[in-house]
Amino acid sequence: MFLINPCLFAIERCHIDNTRKADTVYIAKNGRALVDIVIPEIPTATVKLAADELAICLNKMTGANFKIIRSTKVINGIIIGKATDFPELKLNKVLPLTKVENRQHYILKNKRQKNTLHWSI
């Protein structure tokens, strides 16, 4: 179980297009991680725990060791944190984060195509 509440979860390089088959997104290949897990430079305990749990689960699924990188810059990878932790993504304009019930949102974002899919749980 991932503890990502009330964090934001975004996967860069994900392709969302309902008119054609989506591109394949590889996060690992042949036991080697192809992306890193990115968290804010000063993560909350919840974000750090979520990143650690995700790295463990992905390792069990793929056999790859996923590095956890601390950065506020947008880089290819799996980004975990609050929308305000990554201002370059401009996610605070995409999601209504002012109400408590709207804080648990997940976003799949494709930087190349500028497509965004978001939903709440």
PDB file of N, CA and C in Angstrom:
ATOM      1  N   MET A   1       0.840  -1.182   0.000  1.00  0.00           N
ATOM      2  CA  MET A   1       0.000   0.000   0.000  1.00  0.00           C
ATOM      3  C   MET A   1       0.879   1.237   0.000  1.00  0.00           C
ATOM      4  N   PHE A   2       0.592   2.176  -0.882  1.00  0.00           N
ATOM      5  CA  PHE A   2       1.357   3.411  -0.945  1.00  0.00           C
ATOM      6  C   PHE A   2       0.711   4.449  -0.040  1.00  0.00           C
ATOM      7  N   LEU A   3       1.518   5.160   0.698  1.00  0.00           N
ATOM      8  CA  LEU A   3       1.014   6.215   1.569  1.00  0.00           C
ATOM      9  C   LEU A   3       1.268   7.553   0.896  1.00  0.00           C
ATOM     10  N   ILE A   4       0.424   7.909  -0.046  1.00  0.00           N
ATOM     11  CA  ILE A   4       0.640   9.124  -0.821  1.00  0.00           C
ATOM     12  C   ILE A   4      -0.339  10.223  -0.402  1.00  0.00           C
ATOM     13  N   ASN A   5      -1.229   9.962   0.501  1.00  0.00           N
ATOM     14  CA  ASN A   5      -2.191  10.968   0.958  1.00  0.00           C
ATOM     15  C   ASN A   5      -1.515  11.922   1.922  1.00  0.00           C
ATOM     16  N   PRO A   6      -1.606  13.220   1.783  1.00  0.00           N
ATOM     17  CA  PRO A   6      -2.304  13.992   0.760  1.00  0.00           C
ATOM     18  C   PRO A   6      -1.348  14.479  -0.320  1.00  0.00           C
ATOM     19  N   CYS A   7      -0.529  13.625  -0.807  1.00  0.00           N
ATOM     20  CA  CYS A   7       0.505  14.006  -1.758  1.00  0.00           C
ATOM     21  C   CYS A   7      -0.007  13.992  -3.188  1.00  0.00           C
ATOM     22  N   LEU A   8       0.768  14.590  -4.027  1.00  0.00           N
ATOM     23  CA  LEU A   8       0.480  14.594  -5.453  1.00  0.00           C
ATOM     24  C   LEU A   8       1.402  13.586  -6.106  1.00  0.00           C
ATOM     25  N   PHE A   9       0.882  12.810  -7.016  1.00  0.00           N
ATOM     26  CA  PHE A   9       1.666  11.774  -7.673  1.00  0.00           C
ATOM     27  C   PHE A   9       1.625  12.043  -9.160  1.00  0.00           C
ATOM     28  N   ALA A  10       2.753  12.293  -9.755  1.00  0.00           N
ATOM     29  CA  ALA A  10       2.770  12.576 -11.193  1.00  0.00           C
ATOM     30  C   ALA A  10       3.830  11.723 -11.853  1.00  0.00           C
ATOM     31  N   ILE A  11       3.508  11.205 -12.979  1.00  0.00           N
ATOM     32  CA  ILE A  11       4.465  10.422 -13.740  1.00  0.00           C
ATOM     33  C   ILE A  11       4.735  11.167 -15.037  1.00  0.00           C
ATOM     34  N   GLU A  12       5.946  11.695 -15.154  1.00  0.00           N
ATOM     35  CA  GLU A  12       6.324  12.381 -16.383  1.00  0.00           C
ATOM     36  C   GLU A  12       6.510  11.356 -17.494  1.00  0.00           C
ATOM     37  N   ARG A  13       6.349  11.771 -18.715  1.00  0.00           N
ATOM     38  CA  ARG A  13       6.509  10.958 -19.915  1.00  0.00           C
ATOM     39  C   ARG A  13       5.315  10.042 -20.162  1.00  0.00           C
ATOM     40  N   CYS A  14       4.239  10.211 -19.455  1.00  0.00           N
ATOM     41  CA  CYS A  14       3.071   9.366 -19.679  1.00  0.00           C
ATOM     42  C   CYS A  14       2.231   9.991 -20.784  1.00  0.00           C
ATOM     43  N   HIS A  15       1.730   9.185 -21.681  1.00  0.00           N
ATOM     44  CA  HIS A  15       0.979   9.701 -22.824  1.00  0.00           C
ATOM     45  C   HIS A  15      -0.505   9.430 -22.651  1.00  0.00           C
ATOM     46  N   ILE A  16      -1.311  10.470 -22.739  1.00  0.00           N
ATOM     47  CA  ILE A  16      -2.759  10.341 -22.628  1.00  0.00           C
ATOM     48  C   ILE A  16      -3.377  10.860 -23.926  1.00  0.00           C
ATOM     49  N   ASP A  17      -4.034  10.018 -24.670  1.00  0.00           N
ATOM     50  CA  ASP A  17      -4.696  10.410 -25.914  1.00  0.00           C
ATOM     51  C   ASP A  17      -5.763   9.373 -26.204  1.00  0.00           C
ATOM     52  N   ASN A  18      -7.014   9.764 -26.105  1.00  0.00           N
ATOM     53  CA  ASN A  18      -8.110   8.821 -26.297  1.00  0.00           C
ATOM     54  C   ASN A  18      -8.364   8.483 -27.758  1.00  0.00           C
ATOM     55  N   THR A  19      -7.735   9.181 -28.689  1.00  0.00           N
ATOM     56  CA  THR A  19      -8.010   8.947 -30.106  1.00  0.00           C
ATOM     57  C   THR A  19      -7.114   7.884 -30.717  1.00  0.00           C
ATOM     58  N   ARG A  20      -6.072   7.497 -30.039  1.00  0.00           N
ATOM     59  CA  ARG A  20      -5.179   6.467 -30.566  1.00  0.00           C
ATOM     60  C   ARG A  20      -4.554   5.710 -29.407  1.00  0.00           C
ATOM     61  N   LYS A  21      -3.905   4.617 -29.746  1.00  0.00           N
ATOM     62  CA  LYS A  21      -3.252   3.812 -28.720  1.00  0.00           C
ATOM     63  C   LYS A  21      -2.167   4.643 -28.035  1.00  0.00           C
ATOM     64  N   ALA A  22      -2.119   4.559 -26.728  1.00  0.00           N
ATOM     65  CA  ALA A  22      -1.129   5.311 -25.965  1.00  0.00           C
ATOM     66  C   ALA A  22       0.262   4.728 -26.174  1.00  0.00           C
ATOM     67  N   ASP A  23       1.254   5.599 -26.111  1.00  0.00           N
ATOM     68  CA  ASP A  23       2.638   5.151 -26.175  1.00  0.00           C
ATOM     69  C   ASP A  23       2.937   4.284 -24.956  1.00  0.00           C
ATOM     70  N   THR A  24       3.868   3.383 -25.100  1.00  0.00           N
ATOM     71  CA  THR A  24       4.301   2.559 -23.980  1.00  0.00           C
ATOM     72  C   THR A  24       5.260   3.371 -23.125  1.00  0.00           C
ATOM     73  N   VAL A  25       5.069   3.329 -21.841  1.00  0.00           N
ATOM     74  CA  VAL A  25       5.945   4.024 -20.903  1.00  0.00           C
ATOM     75  C   VAL A  25       6.722   2.973 -20.130  1.00  0.00           C
ATOM     76  N   TYR A  26       8.024   3.001 -20.255  1.00  0.00           N
ATOM     77  CA  TYR A  26       8.872   2.057 -19.530  1.00  0.00           C
ATOM     78  C   TYR A  26       9.492   2.773 -18.344  1.00  0.00           C
ATOM     79  N   ILE A  27       9.340   2.191 -17.159  1.00  0.00           N
ATOM     80  CA  ILE A  27      10.012   2.746 -15.992  1.00  0.00           C
ATOM     81  C   ILE A  27      11.222   1.897 -15.607  1.00  0.00           C
ATOM     82  N   ALA A  28      11.282   0.667 -16.140  1.00  0.00           N
ATOM     83  CA  ALA A  28      12.420  -0.225 -15.905  1.00  0.00           C
ATOM     84  C   ALA A  28      12.522  -1.192 -17.070  1.00  0.00           C
ATOM     85  N   LYS A  29      13.742  -1.640 -17.326  1.00  0.00           N
ATOM     86  CA  LYS A  29      13.963  -2.618 -18.390  1.00  0.00           C
ATOM     87  C   LYS A  29      15.185  -3.454 -18.030  1.00  0.00           C
ATOM     88  N   ASN A  30      15.039  -4.772 -18.157  1.00  0.00           N
ATOM     89  CA  ASN A  30      16.133  -5.706 -17.862  1.00  0.00           C
ATOM     90  C   ASN A  30      16.732  -5.483 -16.472  1.00  0.00           C
ATOM     91  N   GLY A  31      15.878  -5.243 -15.487  1.00  0.00           N
ATOM     92  CA  GLY A  31      16.349  -5.070 -14.116  1.00  0.00           C
ATOM     93  C   GLY A  31      17.017  -3.744 -13.836  1.00  0.00           C
ATOM     94  N   ARG A  32      16.868  -2.781 -14.736  1.00  0.00           N
ATOM     95  CA  ARG A  32      17.497  -1.465 -14.580  1.00  0.00           C
ATOM     96  C   ARG A  32      16.418  -0.381 -14.595  1.00  0.00           C
ATOM     97  N   ALA A  33      16.432   0.502 -13.608  1.00  0.00           N
ATOM     98  CA  ALA A  33      15.467   1.603 -13.550  1.00  0.00           C
ATOM     99  C   ALA A  33      15.766   2.600 -14.661  1.00  0.00           C
ATOM    100  N   LEU A  34      14.733   3.038 -15.358  1.00  0.00           N
ATOM    101  CA  LEU A  34      14.882   4.025 -16.429  1.00  0.00           C
ATOM    102  C   LEU A  34      14.473   5.419 -15.977  1.00  0.00           C
ATOM    103  N   VAL A  35      13.847   5.510 -14.828  1.00  0.00           N
ATOM    104  CA  VAL A  35      13.455   6.798 -14.256  1.00  0.00           C
ATOM    105  C   VAL A  35      13.797   6.792 -12.772  1.00  0.00           C
ATOM    106  N   ASP A  36      13.866   7.978 -12.203  1.00  0.00           N
ATOM    107  CA  ASP A  36      14.079   8.126 -10.769  1.00  0.00           C
ATOM    108  C   ASP A  36      12.766   8.522 -10.111  1.00  0.00           C
ATOM    109  N   ILE A  37      12.727   8.405  -8.811  1.00  0.00           N
ATOM    110  CA  ILE A  37      11.615   8.923  -8.024  1.00  0.00           C
ATOM    111  C   ILE A  37      12.070  10.286  -7.522  1.00  0.00           C
ATOM    112  N   VAL A  38      11.284  11.315  -7.791  1.00  0.00           N
ATOM    113  CA  VAL A  38      11.670  12.682  -7.445  1.00  0.00           C
ATOM    114  C   VAL A  38      10.768  13.196  -6.328  1.00  0.00           C
ATOM    115  N   ILE A  39      11.394  13.707  -5.276  1.00  0.00           N
ATOM    116  CA  ILE A  39      10.656  14.301  -4.162  1.00  0.00           C
ATOM    117  C   ILE A  39      11.216  15.705  -3.926  1.00  0.00           C
ATOM    118  N   PRO A  40      10.491  16.559  -3.188  1.00  0.00           N
ATOM    119  CA  PRO A  40      10.994  17.908  -2.924  1.00  0.00           C
ATOM    120  C   PRO A  40      12.319  17.874  -2.169  1.00  0.00           C
ATOM    121  N   GLU A  41      13.055  18.985  -2.238  1.00  0.00           N
ATOM    122  CA  GLU A  41      14.339  19.064  -1.536  1.00  0.00           C
ATOM    123  C   GLU A  41      14.169  18.888  -0.031  1.00  0.00           C
ATOM    124  N   ILE A  42      13.065  19.401   0.508  1.00  0.00           N
ATOM    125  CA  ILE A  42      12.751  19.218   1.925  1.00  0.00           C
ATOM    126  C   ILE A  42      11.383  18.534   1.990  1.00  0.00           C
ATOM    127  N   PRO A  43      11.368  17.206   1.907  1.00  0.00           N
ATOM    128  CA  PRO A  43      10.084  16.484   1.863  1.00  0.00           C
ATOM    129  C   PRO A  43       9.453  16.356   3.247  1.00  0.00           C
ATOM    130  N   THR A  44       8.141  16.243   3.253  1.00  0.00           N
ATOM    131  CA  THR A  44       7.457  15.918   4.504  1.00  0.00           C
ATOM    132  C   THR A  44       7.723  14.445   4.808  1.00  0.00           C
ATOM    133  N   ALA A  45       7.444  14.049   6.026  1.00  0.00           N
ATOM    134  CA  ALA A  45       7.629  12.644   6.399  1.00  0.00           C
ATOM    135  C   ALA A  45       6.738  11.741   5.550  1.00  0.00           C
ATOM    136  N   THR A  46       5.534  12.216   5.225  1.00  0.00           N
ATOM    137  CA  THR A  46       4.604  11.429   4.412  1.00  0.00           C
ATOM    138  C   THR A  46       5.143  11.229   3.003  1.00  0.00           C
ATOM    139  N   VAL A  47       5.683  12.284   2.418  1.00  0.00           N
ATOM    140  CA  VAL A  47       6.240  12.189   1.061  1.00  0.00           C
ATOM    141  C   VAL A  47       7.444  11.259   1.057  1.00  0.00           C
ATOM    142  N   LYS A  48       8.316  11.388   2.040  1.00  0.00           N
ATOM    143  CA  LYS A  48       9.504  10.528   2.125  1.00  0.00           C
ATOM    144  C   LYS A  48       9.088   9.065   2.273  1.00  0.00           C
ATOM    145  N   LEU A  49       8.112   8.804   3.132  1.00  0.00           N
ATOM    146  CA  LEU A  49       7.634   7.436   3.324  1.00  0.00           C
ATOM    147  C   LEU A  49       7.005   6.895   2.042  1.00  0.00           C
ATOM    148  N   ALA A  50       6.221   7.731   1.354  1.00  0.00           N
ATOM    149  CA  ALA A  50       5.596   7.305   0.093  1.00  0.00           C
ATOM    150  C   ALA A  50       6.659   6.963  -0.945  1.00  0.00           C
ATOM    151  N   ALA A  51       7.705   7.773  -1.033  1.00  0.00           N
ATOM    152  CA  ALA A  51       8.782   7.511  -1.991  1.00  0.00           C
ATOM    153  C   ALA A  51       9.519   6.220  -1.644  1.00  0.00           C
ATOM    154  N   ASP A  52       9.798   6.026  -0.367  1.00  0.00           N
ATOM    155  CA  ASP A  52      10.468   4.793   0.063  1.00  0.00           C
ATOM    156  C   ASP A  52       9.618   3.564  -0.255  1.00  0.00           C
ATOM    157  N   GLU A  53       8.324   3.641   0.050  1.00  0.00           N
ATOM    158  CA  GLU A  53       7.412   2.526  -0.230  1.00  0.00           C
ATOM    159  C   GLU A  53       7.315   2.251  -1.727  1.00  0.00           C
ATOM    160  N   LEU A  54       7.226   3.312  -2.515  1.00  0.00           N
ATOM    161  CA  LEU A  54       7.145   3.151  -3.966  1.00  0.00           C
ATOM    162  C   LEU A  54       8.414   2.496  -4.502  1.00  0.00           C
ATOM    163  N   ALA A  55       9.580   2.937  -4.028  1.00  0.00           N
ATOM    164  CA  ALA A  55      10.846   2.353  -4.475  1.00  0.00           C
ATOM    165  C   ALA A  55      10.903   0.859  -4.146  1.00  0.00           C
ATOM    166  N   ILE A  56      10.442   0.489  -2.966  1.00  0.00           N
ATOM    167  CA  ILE A  56      10.435  -0.921  -2.565  1.00  0.00           C
ATOM    168  C   ILE A  56       9.497  -1.729  -3.457  1.00  0.00           C
ATOM    169  N   CYS A  57       8.290  -1.214  -3.664  1.00  0.00           N
ATOM    170  CA  CYS A  57       7.308  -1.938  -4.496  1.00  0.00           C
ATOM    171  C   CYS A  57       7.774  -2.065  -5.940  1.00  0.00           C
ATOM    172  N   LEU A  58       8.326  -0.986  -6.496  1.00  0.00           N
ATOM    173  CA  LEU A  58       8.818  -1.045  -7.876  1.00  0.00           C
ATOM    174  C   LEU A  58       9.992  -2.005  -7.996  1.00  0.00           C
ATOM    175  N   ASN A  59      10.837  -2.060  -6.968  1.00  0.00           N
ATOM    176  CA  ASN A  59      11.953  -3.004  -6.966  1.00  0.00           C
ATOM    177  C   ASN A  59      11.445  -4.437  -6.974  1.00  0.00           C
ATOM    178  N   LYS A  60      10.422  -4.708  -6.180  1.00  0.00           N
ATOM    179  CA  LYS A  60       9.848  -6.060  -6.146  1.00  0.00           C
ATOM    180  C   LYS A  60       9.216  -6.430  -7.485  1.00  0.00           C
ATOM    181  N   MET A  61       8.612  -5.454  -8.158  1.00  0.00           N
ATOM    182  CA  MET A  61       7.942  -5.728  -9.432  1.00  0.00           C
ATOM    183  C   MET A  61       8.914  -5.859 -10.591  1.00  0.00           C
ATOM    184  N   THR A  62      10.006  -5.084 -10.571  1.00  0.00           N
ATOM    185  CA  THR A  62      10.886  -5.010 -11.742  1.00  0.00           C
ATOM    186  C   THR A  62      12.284  -5.559 -11.513  1.00  0.00           C
ATOM    187  N   GLY A  63      12.692  -5.700 -10.257  1.00  0.00           N
ATOM    188  CA  GLY A  63      14.060  -6.105  -9.953  1.00  0.00           C
ATOM    189  C   GLY A  63      15.047  -4.953 -10.046  1.00  0.00           C
ATOM    190  N   ALA A  64      14.566  -3.759 -10.361  1.00  0.00           N
ATOM    191  CA  ALA A  64      15.431  -2.582 -10.514  1.00  0.00           C
ATOM    192  C   ALA A  64      15.463  -1.776  -9.222  1.00  0.00           C
ATOM    193  N   ASN A  65      16.585  -1.114  -8.991  1.00  0.00           N
ATOM    194  CA  ASN A  65      16.706  -0.211  -7.851  1.00  0.00           C
ATOM    195  C   ASN A  65      16.397   1.204  -8.320  1.00  0.00           C
ATOM    196  N   PHE A  66      15.341   1.790  -7.779  1.00  0.00           N
ATOM    197  CA  PHE A  66      14.927   3.139  -8.150  1.00  0.00           C
ATOM    198  C   PHE A  66      15.524   4.136  -7.169  1.00  0.00           C
ATOM    199  N   LYS A  67      16.285   5.099  -7.695  1.00  0.00           N
ATOM    200  CA  LYS A  67      16.884   6.138  -6.861  1.00  0.00           C
ATOM    201  C   LYS A  67      15.818   7.152  -6.478  1.00  0.00           C
ATOM    202  N   ILE A  68      15.945   7.689  -5.274  1.00  0.00           N
ATOM    203  CA  ILE A  68      15.084   8.781  -4.826  1.00  0.00           C
ATOM    204  C   ILE A  68      15.923  10.051  -4.873  1.00  0.00           C
ATOM    205  N   ILE A  69      15.500  10.982  -5.707  1.00  0.00           N
ATOM    206  CA  ILE A  69      16.222  12.233  -5.931  1.00  0.00           C
ATOM    207  C   ILE A  69      15.457  13.366  -5.260  1.00  0.00           C
ATOM    208  N   ARG A  70      16.160  14.242  -4.561  1.00  0.00           N
ATOM    209  CA  ARG A  70      15.533  15.431  -3.971  1.00  0.00           C
ATOM    210  C   ARG A  70      15.790  16.621  -4.885  1.00  0.00           C
ATOM    211  N   SER A  71      14.716  17.177  -5.429  1.00  0.00           N
ATOM    212  CA  SER A  71      14.842  18.305  -6.356  1.00  0.00           C
ATOM    213  C   SER A  71      13.491  18.982  -6.522  1.00  0.00           C
ATOM    214  N   THR A  72      13.502  20.272  -6.800  1.00  0.00           N
ATOM    215  CA  THR A  72      12.262  20.972  -7.150  1.00  0.00           C
ATOM    216  C   THR A  72      12.197  21.210  -8.650  1.00  0.00           C
ATOM    217  N   LYS A  73      13.243  20.830  -9.363  1.00  0.00           N
ATOM    218  CA  LYS A  73      13.255  20.951 -10.822  1.00  0.00           C
ATOM    219  C   LYS A  73      12.473  19.796 -11.426  1.00  0.00           C
ATOM    220  N   VAL A  74      11.823  20.069 -12.522  1.00  0.00           N
ATOM    221  CA  VAL A  74      11.057  19.034 -13.212  1.00  0.00           C
ATOM    222  C   VAL A  74      12.011  18.224 -14.074  1.00  0.00           C
ATOM    223  N   ILE A  75      12.129  16.949 -13.761  1.00  0.00           N
ATOM    224  CA  ILE A  75      12.959  16.045 -14.540  1.00  0.00           C
ATOM    225  C   ILE A  75      12.114  14.819 -14.853  1.00  0.00           C
ATOM    226  N   ASN A  76      12.537  14.050 -15.842  1.00  0.00           N
ATOM    227  CA  ASN A  76      11.809  12.821 -16.142  1.00  0.00           C
ATOM    228  C   ASN A  76      11.846  11.919 -14.928  1.00  0.00           C
ATOM    229  N   GLY A  77      10.705  11.412 -14.562  1.00  0.00           N
ATOM    230  CA  GLY A  77      10.663  10.509 -13.436  1.00  0.00           C
ATOM    231  C   GLY A  77       9.296  10.480 -12.808  1.00  0.00           C
ATOM    232  N   ILE A  78       9.215   9.808 -11.693  1.00  0.00           N
ATOM    233  CA  ILE A  78       7.986   9.710 -10.927  1.00  0.00           C
ATOM    234  C   ILE A  78       8.094  10.757  -9.826  1.00  0.00           C
ATOM    235  N   ILE A  79       7.217  11.726  -9.870  1.00  0.00           N
ATOM    236  CA  ILE A  79       7.298  12.856  -8.951  1.00  0.00           C
ATOM    237  C   ILE A  79       6.263  12.679  -7.851  1.00  0.00           C
ATOM    238  N   ILE A  80       6.714  12.778  -6.611  1.00  0.00           N
ATOM    239  CA  ILE A  80       5.819  12.654  -5.461  1.00  0.00           C
ATOM    240  C   ILE A  80       5.967  13.908  -4.611  1.00  0.00           C
ATOM    241  N   GLY A  81       4.849  14.540  -4.310  1.00  0.00           N
ATOM    242  CA  GLY A  81       4.865  15.727  -3.469  1.00  0.00           C
ATOM    243  C   GLY A  81       3.611  16.538  -3.667  1.00  0.00           C
ATOM    244  N   LYS A  82       3.589  17.716  -3.077  1.00  0.00           N
ATOM    245  CA  LYS A  82       2.456  18.613  -3.243  1.00  0.00           C
ATOM    246  C   LYS A  82       2.662  19.446  -4.506  1.00  0.00           C
ATOM    247  N   ALA A  83       1.576  19.932  -5.070  1.00  0.00           N
ATOM    248  CA  ALA A  83       1.655  20.748  -6.285  1.00  0.00           C
ATOM    249  C   ALA A  83       2.572  21.943  -6.071  1.00  0.00           C
ATOM    250  N   THR A  84       2.536  22.521  -4.897  1.00  0.00           N
ATOM    251  CA  THR A  84       3.360  23.694  -4.612  1.00  0.00           C
ATOM    252  C   THR A  84       4.845  23.355  -4.485  1.00  0.00           C
ATOM    253  N   ASP A  85       5.181  22.089  -4.324  1.00  0.00           N
ATOM    254  CA  ASP A  85       6.588  21.675  -4.241  1.00  0.00           C
ATOM    255  C   ASP A  85       7.290  21.746  -5.590  1.00  0.00           C
ATOM    256  N   PHE A  86       6.528  21.711  -6.668  1.00  0.00           N
ATOM    257  CA  PHE A  86       7.085  21.685  -8.018  1.00  0.00           C
ATOM    258  C   PHE A  86       6.421  22.778  -8.857  1.00  0.00           C
ATOM    259  N   PRO A  87       6.794  24.049  -8.620  1.00  0.00           N
ATOM    260  CA  PRO A  87       6.123  25.161  -9.306  1.00  0.00           C
ATOM    261  C   PRO A  87       6.242  25.116 -10.826  1.00  0.00           C
ATOM    262  N   GLU A  88       7.306  24.508 -11.354  1.00  0.00           N
ATOM    263  CA  GLU A  88       7.479  24.414 -12.816  1.00  0.00           C
ATOM    264  C   GLU A  88       6.345  23.652 -13.486  1.00  0.00           C
ATOM    265  N   LEU A  89       5.735  22.714 -12.782  1.00  0.00           N
ATOM    266  CA  LEU A  89       4.648  21.928 -13.359  1.00  0.00           C
ATOM    267  C   LEU A  89       3.347  22.717 -13.468  1.00  0.00           C
ATOM    268  N   LYS A  90       3.251  23.808 -12.714  1.00  0.00           N
ATOM    269  CA  LYS A  90       2.053  24.664 -12.729  1.00  0.00           C
ATOM    270  C   LYS A  90       0.784  23.860 -12.438  1.00  0.00           C
ATOM    271  N   LEU A  91       0.893  22.900 -11.541  1.00  0.00           N
ATOM    272  CA  LEU A  91      -0.245  22.042 -11.218  1.00  0.00           C
ATOM    273  C   LEU A  91      -1.266  22.731 -10.335  1.00  0.00           C
ATOM    274  N   ASN A  92      -0.843  23.774  -9.614  1.00  0.00           N
ATOM    275  CA  ASN A  92      -1.808  24.482  -8.783  1.00  0.00           C
ATOM    276  C   ASN A  92      -2.859  25.180  -9.634  1.00  0.00           C
ATOM    277  N   LYS A  93      -2.601  25.370 -10.927  1.00  0.00           N
ATOM    278  CA  LYS A  93      -3.585  25.948 -11.840  1.00  0.00           C
ATOM    279  C   LYS A  93      -4.500  24.872 -12.413  1.00  0.00           C
ATOM    280  N   VAL A  94      -4.078  23.616 -12.354  1.00  0.00           N
ATOM    281  CA  VAL A  94      -4.851  22.502 -12.898  1.00  0.00           C
ATOM    282  C   VAL A  94      -5.836  21.960 -11.869  1.00  0.00           C
ATOM    283  N   LEU A  95      -5.409  21.929 -10.629  1.00  0.00           N
ATOM    284  CA  LEU A  95      -6.219  21.306  -9.576  1.00  0.00           C
ATOM    285  C   LEU A  95      -6.728  22.330  -8.568  1.00  0.00           C
ATOM    286  N   PRO A  96      -7.960  22.178  -8.108  1.00  0.00           N
ATOM    287  CA  PRO A  96      -8.475  23.034  -7.040  1.00  0.00           C
ATOM    288  C   PRO A  96      -8.005  22.490  -5.689  1.00  0.00           C
ATOM    289  N   LEU A  97      -6.901  23.009  -5.180  1.00  0.00           N
ATOM    290  CA  LEU A  97      -6.297  22.437  -3.974  1.00  0.00           C
ATOM    291  C   LEU A  97      -6.641  23.200  -2.703  1.00  0.00           C
ATOM    292  N   THR A  98      -7.607  24.108  -2.768  1.00  0.00           N
ATOM    293  CA  THR A  98      -7.904  24.919  -1.596  1.00  0.00           C
ATOM    294  C   THR A  98      -8.786  24.204  -0.582  1.00  0.00           C
ATOM    295  N   LYS A  99      -9.580  23.238  -1.012  1.00  0.00           N
ATOM    296  CA  LYS A  99     -10.456  22.512  -0.096  1.00  0.00           C
ATOM    297  C   LYS A  99      -9.804  21.193   0.315  1.00  0.00           C
ATOM    298  N   VAL A 100     -10.024  20.802   1.555  1.00  0.00           N
ATOM    299  CA  VAL A 100      -9.439  19.561   2.067  1.00  0.00           C
ATOM    300  C   VAL A 100      -9.830  18.371   1.204  1.00  0.00           C
ATOM    301  N   GLU A 101     -11.085  18.297   0.773  1.00  0.00           N
ATOM    302  CA  GLU A 101     -11.535  17.146  -0.011  1.00  0.00           C
ATOM    303  C   GLU A 101     -10.891  17.071  -1.393  1.00  0.00           C
ATOM    304  N   ASN A 102     -10.242  18.136  -1.836  1.00  0.00           N
ATOM    305  CA  ASN A 102      -9.592  18.135  -3.149  1.00  0.00           C
ATOM    306  C   ASN A 102      -8.090  17.874  -3.077  1.00  0.00           C
ATOM    307  N   ARG A 103      -7.569  17.603  -1.907  1.00  0.00           N
ATOM    308  CA  ARG A 103      -6.120  17.489  -1.769  1.00  0.00           C
ATOM    309  C   ARG A 103      -5.545  16.157  -2.199  1.00  0.00           C
ATOM    310  N   GLN A 104      -6.360  15.136  -2.303  1.00  0.00           N
ATOM    311  CA  GLN A 104      -5.828  13.838  -2.700  1.00  0.00           C
ATOM    312  C   GLN A 104      -6.113  13.617  -4.178  1.00  0.00           C
ATOM    313  N   HIS A 105      -5.305  14.226  -5.003  1.00  0.00           N
ATOM    314  CA  HIS A 105      -5.433  14.117  -6.453  1.00  0.00           C
ATOM    315  C   HIS A 105      -4.191  13.432  -7.005  1.00  0.00           C
ATOM    316  N   TYR A 106      -4.374  12.758  -8.091  1.00  0.00           N
ATOM    317  CA  TYR A 106      -3.265  12.094  -8.758  1.00  0.00           C
ATOM    318  C   TYR A 106      -3.252  12.594 -10.186  1.00  0.00           C
ATOM    319  N   ILE A 107      -2.095  12.872 -10.694  1.00  0.00           N
ATOM    320  CA  ILE A 107      -1.996  13.414 -12.050  1.00  0.00           C
ATOM    321  C   ILE A 107      -1.027  12.572 -12.868  1.00  0.00           C
ATOM    322  N   LEU A 108      -1.440  12.237 -14.069  1.00  0.00           N
ATOM    323  CA  LEU A 108      -0.537  11.660 -15.057  1.00  0.00           C
ATOM    324  C   LEU A 108      -0.310  12.771 -16.065  1.00  0.00           C
ATOM    325  N   LYS A 109       0.907  13.167 -16.244  1.00  0.00           N
ATOM    326  CA  LYS A 109       1.193  14.315 -17.090  1.00  0.00           C
ATOM    327  C   LYS A 109       2.249  13.952 -18.113  1.00  0.00           C
ATOM    328  N   ASN A 110       2.013  14.353 -19.323  1.00  0.00           N
ATOM    329  CA  ASN A 110       2.952  14.136 -20.411  1.00  0.00           C
ATOM    330  C   ASN A 110       3.544  15.483 -20.769  1.00  0.00           C
ATOM    331  N   LYS A 111       4.781  15.692 -20.405  1.00  0.00           N
ATOM    332  CA  LYS A 111       5.425  16.982 -20.654  1.00  0.00           C
ATOM    333  C   LYS A 111       5.553  17.260 -22.147  1.00  0.00           C
ATOM    334  N   ARG A 112       5.844  16.230 -22.930  1.00  0.00           N
ATOM    335  CA  ARG A 112       6.068  16.408 -24.369  1.00  0.00           C
ATOM    336  C   ARG A 112       4.801  16.858 -25.080  1.00  0.00           C
ATOM    337  N   GLN A 113       3.682  16.218 -24.787  1.00  0.00           N
ATOM    338  CA  GLN A 113       2.429  16.525 -25.474  1.00  0.00           C
ATOM    339  C   GLN A 113       1.567  17.540 -24.728  1.00  0.00           C
ATOM    340  N   LYS A 114       1.965  17.900 -23.523  1.00  0.00           N
ATOM    341  CA  LYS A 114       1.210  18.842 -22.699  1.00  0.00           C
ATOM    342  C   LYS A 114      -0.207  18.355 -22.395  1.00  0.00           C
ATOM    343  N   ASN A 115      -0.386  17.050 -22.346  1.00  0.00           N
ATOM    344  CA  ASN A 115      -1.674  16.470 -21.968  1.00  0.00           C
ATOM    345  C   ASN A 115      -1.656  16.156 -20.484  1.00  0.00           C
ATOM    346  N   THR A 116      -2.796  16.306 -19.847  1.00  0.00           N
ATOM    347  CA  THR A 116      -2.883  16.022 -18.425  1.00  0.00           C
ATOM    348  C   THR A 116      -4.160  15.257 -18.127  1.00  0.00           C
ATOM    349  N   LEU A 117      -4.032  14.234 -17.323  1.00  0.00           N
ATOM    350  CA  LEU A 117      -5.184  13.495 -16.829  1.00  0.00           C
ATOM    351  C   LEU A 117      -5.123  13.574 -15.319  1.00  0.00           C
ATOM    352  N   HIS A 118      -6.199  14.012 -14.688  1.00  0.00           N
ATOM    353  CA  HIS A 118      -6.176  14.034 -13.231  1.00  0.00           C
ATOM    354  C   HIS A 118      -7.488  13.509 -12.692  1.00  0.00           C
ATOM    355  N   TRP A 119      -7.411  12.913 -11.527  1.00  0.00           N
ATOM    356  CA  TRP A 119      -8.597  12.378 -10.872  1.00  0.00           C
ATOM    357  C   TRP A 119      -8.375  12.408  -9.371  1.00  0.00           C
ATOM    358  N   SER A 120      -9.444  12.292  -8.628  1.00  0.00           N
ATOM    359  CA  SER A 120      -9.314  12.267  -7.173  1.00  0.00           C
ATOM    360  C   SER A 120      -9.880  10.962  -6.631  1.00  0.00           C
ATOM    361  N   ILE A 121      -9.407  10.594  -5.462  1.00  0.00           N
ATOM    362  CA  ILE A 121      -9.830   9.348  -4.840  1.00  0.00           C
ATOM    363  C   ILE A 121     -10.458   9.678  -3.494  1.00  0.00           C
TER     364      ILE A 121
END
